[in-house]
């Protein structure tokens, strides 16, 4: 398992947190995600052989949020 921490801009409520968590956990290879509204970041546990940063960025941006950079 690998771990990535990404800064996400545009989350304003728990609904946003749930949206980000849901889109990430639908990606094959993602085992879990922890989203912090206060810190504006997400921590993703995943299988690097199945997925990676490009898929995470695309899913988050498709949900209407902006990936600022890796934390």
N, C-alpha and C. Protein backbone atom coordinates (compact mmCIF):
# COMPACT_ATOMS: atom_id res chain seq x y z
N UNK A 1 0.83 -1.19 0.00
CA UNK A 1 0.00 0.00 0.00
C UNK A 1 0.87 1.25 0.00
N UNK A 2 0.39 2.25 -0.69
CA UNK A 2 1.06 3.55 -0.73
C UNK A 2 0.13 4.60 -0.14
N UNK A 3 0.71 5.73 0.25
CA UNK A 3 -0.07 6.83 0.81
C UNK A 3 0.29 8.12 0.10
N UNK A 4 -0.71 8.89 -0.25
CA UNK A 4 -0.51 10.22 -0.83
C UNK A 4 -1.33 11.21 -0.02
N UNK A 5 -0.80 12.41 0.16
CA UNK A 5 -1.53 13.50 0.79
C UNK A 5 -1.62 14.61 -0.25
N UNK A 6 -2.86 15.07 -0.50
CA UNK A 6 -3.09 16.10 -1.51
C UNK A 6 -3.85 17.25 -0.88
N UNK A 7 -3.49 18.48 -1.24
CA UNK A 7 -4.23 19.67 -0.81
C UNK A 7 -5.38 19.88 -1.79
N UNK A 8 -6.56 20.13 -1.24
CA UNK A 8 -7.75 20.31 -2.07
C UNK A 8 -8.40 21.65 -1.71
N UNK A 9 -8.67 22.44 -2.72
CA UNK A 9 -9.26 23.76 -2.53
C UNK A 9 -10.73 23.71 -2.95
N UNK A 10 -11.57 24.42 -2.21
CA UNK A 10 -12.97 24.54 -2.59
C UNK A 10 -13.93 23.77 -1.70
N UNK A 11 -13.42 23.01 -0.75
CA UNK A 11 -14.30 22.30 0.18
C UNK A 11 -14.77 23.28 1.25
N UNK A 12 -16.09 23.38 1.44
CA UNK A 12 -16.63 24.34 2.40
C UNK A 12 -17.53 23.71 3.46
N UNK A 13 -17.87 22.42 3.30
CA UNK A 13 -18.81 21.80 4.24
C UNK A 13 -18.59 20.29 4.27
N UNK A 14 -19.32 19.62 5.14
CA UNK A 14 -19.19 18.16 5.23
C UNK A 14 -19.72 17.47 3.97
N UNK A 15 -20.63 18.10 3.26
CA UNK A 15 -21.09 17.55 1.99
C UNK A 15 -19.95 17.47 0.98
N UNK A 16 -19.10 18.50 0.99
CA UNK A 16 -17.92 18.52 0.11
C UNK A 16 -16.97 17.39 0.50
N UNK A 17 -16.76 17.24 1.80
CA UNK A 17 -15.88 16.18 2.30
C UNK A 17 -16.39 14.82 1.83
N UNK A 18 -17.69 14.59 1.98
CA UNK A 18 -18.28 13.31 1.56
C UNK A 18 -18.16 13.11 0.06
N UNK A 19 -18.33 14.17 -0.72
CA UNK A 19 -18.20 14.06 -2.18
C UNK A 19 -16.80 13.62 -2.58
N UNK A 20 -15.79 14.26 -2.00
CA UNK A 20 -14.40 13.92 -2.31
C UNK A 20 -14.11 12.48 -1.90
N UNK A 21 -14.52 12.11 -0.70
CA UNK A 21 -14.29 10.76 -0.20
C UNK A 21 -14.95 9.72 -1.12
N UNK A 22 -16.19 9.99 -1.51
CA UNK A 22 -16.92 9.04 -2.37
C UNK A 22 -16.27 8.87 -3.74
N UNK A 23 -15.85 9.96 -4.38
CA UNK A 23 -15.26 9.80 -5.72
C UNK A 23 -13.93 9.08 -5.64
N UNK A 24 -13.17 9.32 -4.58
CA UNK A 24 -11.87 8.64 -4.46
C UNK A 24 -12.04 7.16 -4.17
N UNK A 25 -12.98 6.82 -3.31
CA UNK A 25 -13.12 5.42 -2.92
C UNK A 25 -13.78 4.56 -4.00
N UNK A 26 -14.29 5.19 -5.05
CA UNK A 26 -14.81 4.45 -6.22
C UNK A 26 -13.70 4.03 -7.17
N UNK A 27 -12.52 4.61 -7.03
CA UNK A 27 -11.40 4.30 -7.92
C UNK A 27 -10.83 2.93 -7.54
N UNK A 28 -10.76 2.00 -8.50
CA UNK A 28 -10.17 0.69 -8.20
C UNK A 28 -8.74 0.85 -7.69
N UNK A 29 -8.44 0.19 -6.59
CA UNK A 29 -7.12 0.26 -6.00
C UNK A 29 -7.03 1.15 -4.78
N UNK A 30 -8.04 2.02 -4.58
CA UNK A 30 -8.06 2.87 -3.39
C UNK A 30 -8.68 2.08 -2.25
N UNK A 31 -7.93 1.93 -1.17
CA UNK A 31 -8.46 1.17 -0.02
C UNK A 31 -9.14 2.08 0.98
N UNK A 32 -8.67 3.34 1.11
CA UNK A 32 -9.33 4.28 2.01
C UNK A 32 -8.89 5.70 1.70
N UNK A 33 -9.72 6.64 2.18
CA UNK A 33 -9.35 8.05 2.08
C UNK A 33 -9.85 8.76 3.33
N UNK A 34 -9.03 9.68 3.81
CA UNK A 34 -9.39 10.52 4.95
C UNK A 34 -9.37 11.95 4.46
N UNK A 35 -10.50 12.64 4.59
CA UNK A 35 -10.62 14.01 4.09
C UNK A 35 -10.77 14.95 5.28
N UNK A 36 -9.93 15.98 5.34
CA UNK A 36 -9.98 16.97 6.41
C UNK A 36 -10.44 18.30 5.85
N UNK A 37 -11.62 18.73 6.27
CA UNK A 37 -12.14 20.03 5.86
C UNK A 37 -11.28 21.15 6.44
N UNK A 38 -10.90 21.03 7.71
CA UNK A 38 -10.13 22.05 8.39
C UNK A 38 -8.76 22.26 7.74
N UNK A 39 -8.11 21.17 7.37
CA UNK A 39 -6.77 21.27 6.77
C UNK A 39 -6.83 21.40 5.25
N UNK A 40 -7.99 21.16 4.66
CA UNK A 40 -8.11 21.24 3.21
C UNK A 40 -7.25 20.22 2.50
N UNK A 41 -7.25 19.00 3.04
CA UNK A 41 -6.42 17.97 2.42
C UNK A 41 -7.08 16.61 2.51
N UNK A 42 -6.57 15.71 1.68
CA UNK A 42 -7.03 14.33 1.67
C UNK A 42 -5.81 13.41 1.73
N UNK A 43 -5.94 12.36 2.52
CA UNK A 43 -4.91 11.32 2.62
C UNK A 43 -5.48 10.06 2.01
N UNK A 44 -4.80 9.51 1.02
CA UNK A 44 -5.31 8.37 0.26
C UNK A 44 -4.38 7.18 0.44
N UNK A 45 -4.95 6.04 0.80
CA UNK A 45 -4.23 4.76 0.87
C UNK A 45 -4.63 3.98 -0.39
N UNK A 46 -3.64 3.50 -1.13
CA UNK A 46 -3.97 2.85 -2.40
C UNK A 46 -2.88 1.87 -2.84
N UNK A 47 -3.26 1.05 -3.80
CA UNK A 47 -2.35 0.11 -4.45
C UNK A 47 -1.76 0.82 -5.67
N UNK A 48 -0.47 1.13 -5.59
CA UNK A 48 0.20 1.87 -6.67
C UNK A 48 0.25 1.14 -7.99
N UNK A 49 0.02 -0.16 -7.98
CA UNK A 49 -0.01 -0.92 -9.22
C UNK A 49 -1.32 -0.78 -9.97
N UNK A 50 -2.33 -0.24 -9.29
CA UNK A 50 -3.66 -0.12 -9.88
C UNK A 50 -4.07 1.31 -10.19
N UNK A 51 -3.55 2.28 -9.46
CA UNK A 51 -3.98 3.67 -9.63
C UNK A 51 -2.91 4.61 -9.13
N UNK A 52 -3.15 5.91 -9.28
CA UNK A 52 -2.15 6.89 -8.85
C UNK A 52 -2.66 8.31 -8.90
N UNK A 53 -1.72 9.25 -8.79
CA UNK A 53 -2.04 10.67 -8.67
C UNK A 53 -2.90 11.22 -9.80
N UNK A 54 -2.66 10.81 -11.03
CA UNK A 54 -3.45 11.34 -12.15
C UNK A 54 -4.92 11.02 -11.99
N UNK A 55 -5.23 9.79 -11.59
CA UNK A 55 -6.63 9.39 -11.39
C UNK A 55 -7.24 10.14 -10.21
N UNK A 56 -6.48 10.34 -9.14
CA UNK A 56 -7.00 11.06 -7.97
C UNK A 56 -7.32 12.50 -8.35
N UNK A 57 -6.38 13.15 -9.03
CA UNK A 57 -6.57 14.55 -9.44
C UNK A 57 -7.80 14.68 -10.34
N UNK A 58 -7.92 13.79 -11.31
CA UNK A 58 -9.05 13.86 -12.24
C UNK A 58 -10.38 13.67 -11.51
N UNK A 59 -10.46 12.71 -10.60
CA UNK A 59 -11.70 12.44 -9.86
C UNK A 59 -12.09 13.64 -9.00
N UNK A 60 -11.12 14.22 -8.31
CA UNK A 60 -11.40 15.37 -7.44
C UNK A 60 -11.84 16.56 -8.26
N UNK A 61 -11.16 16.82 -9.38
CA UNK A 61 -11.52 17.96 -10.22
C UNK A 61 -12.86 17.75 -10.92
N UNK A 62 -13.16 16.52 -11.32
CA UNK A 62 -14.47 16.23 -11.91
C UNK A 62 -15.60 16.45 -10.90
N UNK A 63 -15.29 16.31 -9.60
CA UNK A 63 -16.29 16.53 -8.55
C UNK A 63 -16.46 18.02 -8.23
N UNK A 64 -15.65 18.87 -8.88
CA UNK A 64 -15.82 20.31 -8.72
C UNK A 64 -14.85 20.99 -7.77
N UNK A 65 -13.78 20.31 -7.42
CA UNK A 65 -12.80 20.88 -6.49
C UNK A 65 -11.46 21.01 -7.21
N UNK A 66 -10.55 21.73 -6.58
CA UNK A 66 -9.25 21.96 -7.19
C UNK A 66 -8.15 21.33 -6.35
N UNK A 67 -7.30 20.54 -7.01
CA UNK A 67 -6.12 20.00 -6.34
C UNK A 67 -5.04 21.06 -6.44
N UNK A 68 -4.62 21.57 -5.30
CA UNK A 68 -3.65 22.68 -5.28
C UNK A 68 -2.25 22.13 -5.51
N UNK A 69 -1.90 21.10 -4.75
CA UNK A 69 -0.59 20.46 -4.87
C UNK A 69 -0.56 19.29 -3.90
N UNK A 70 0.54 18.57 -3.92
CA UNK A 70 0.72 17.53 -2.91
C UNK A 70 1.11 18.22 -1.61
N UNK A 71 0.60 17.71 -0.52
CA UNK A 71 0.91 18.31 0.79
C UNK A 71 2.35 18.06 1.18
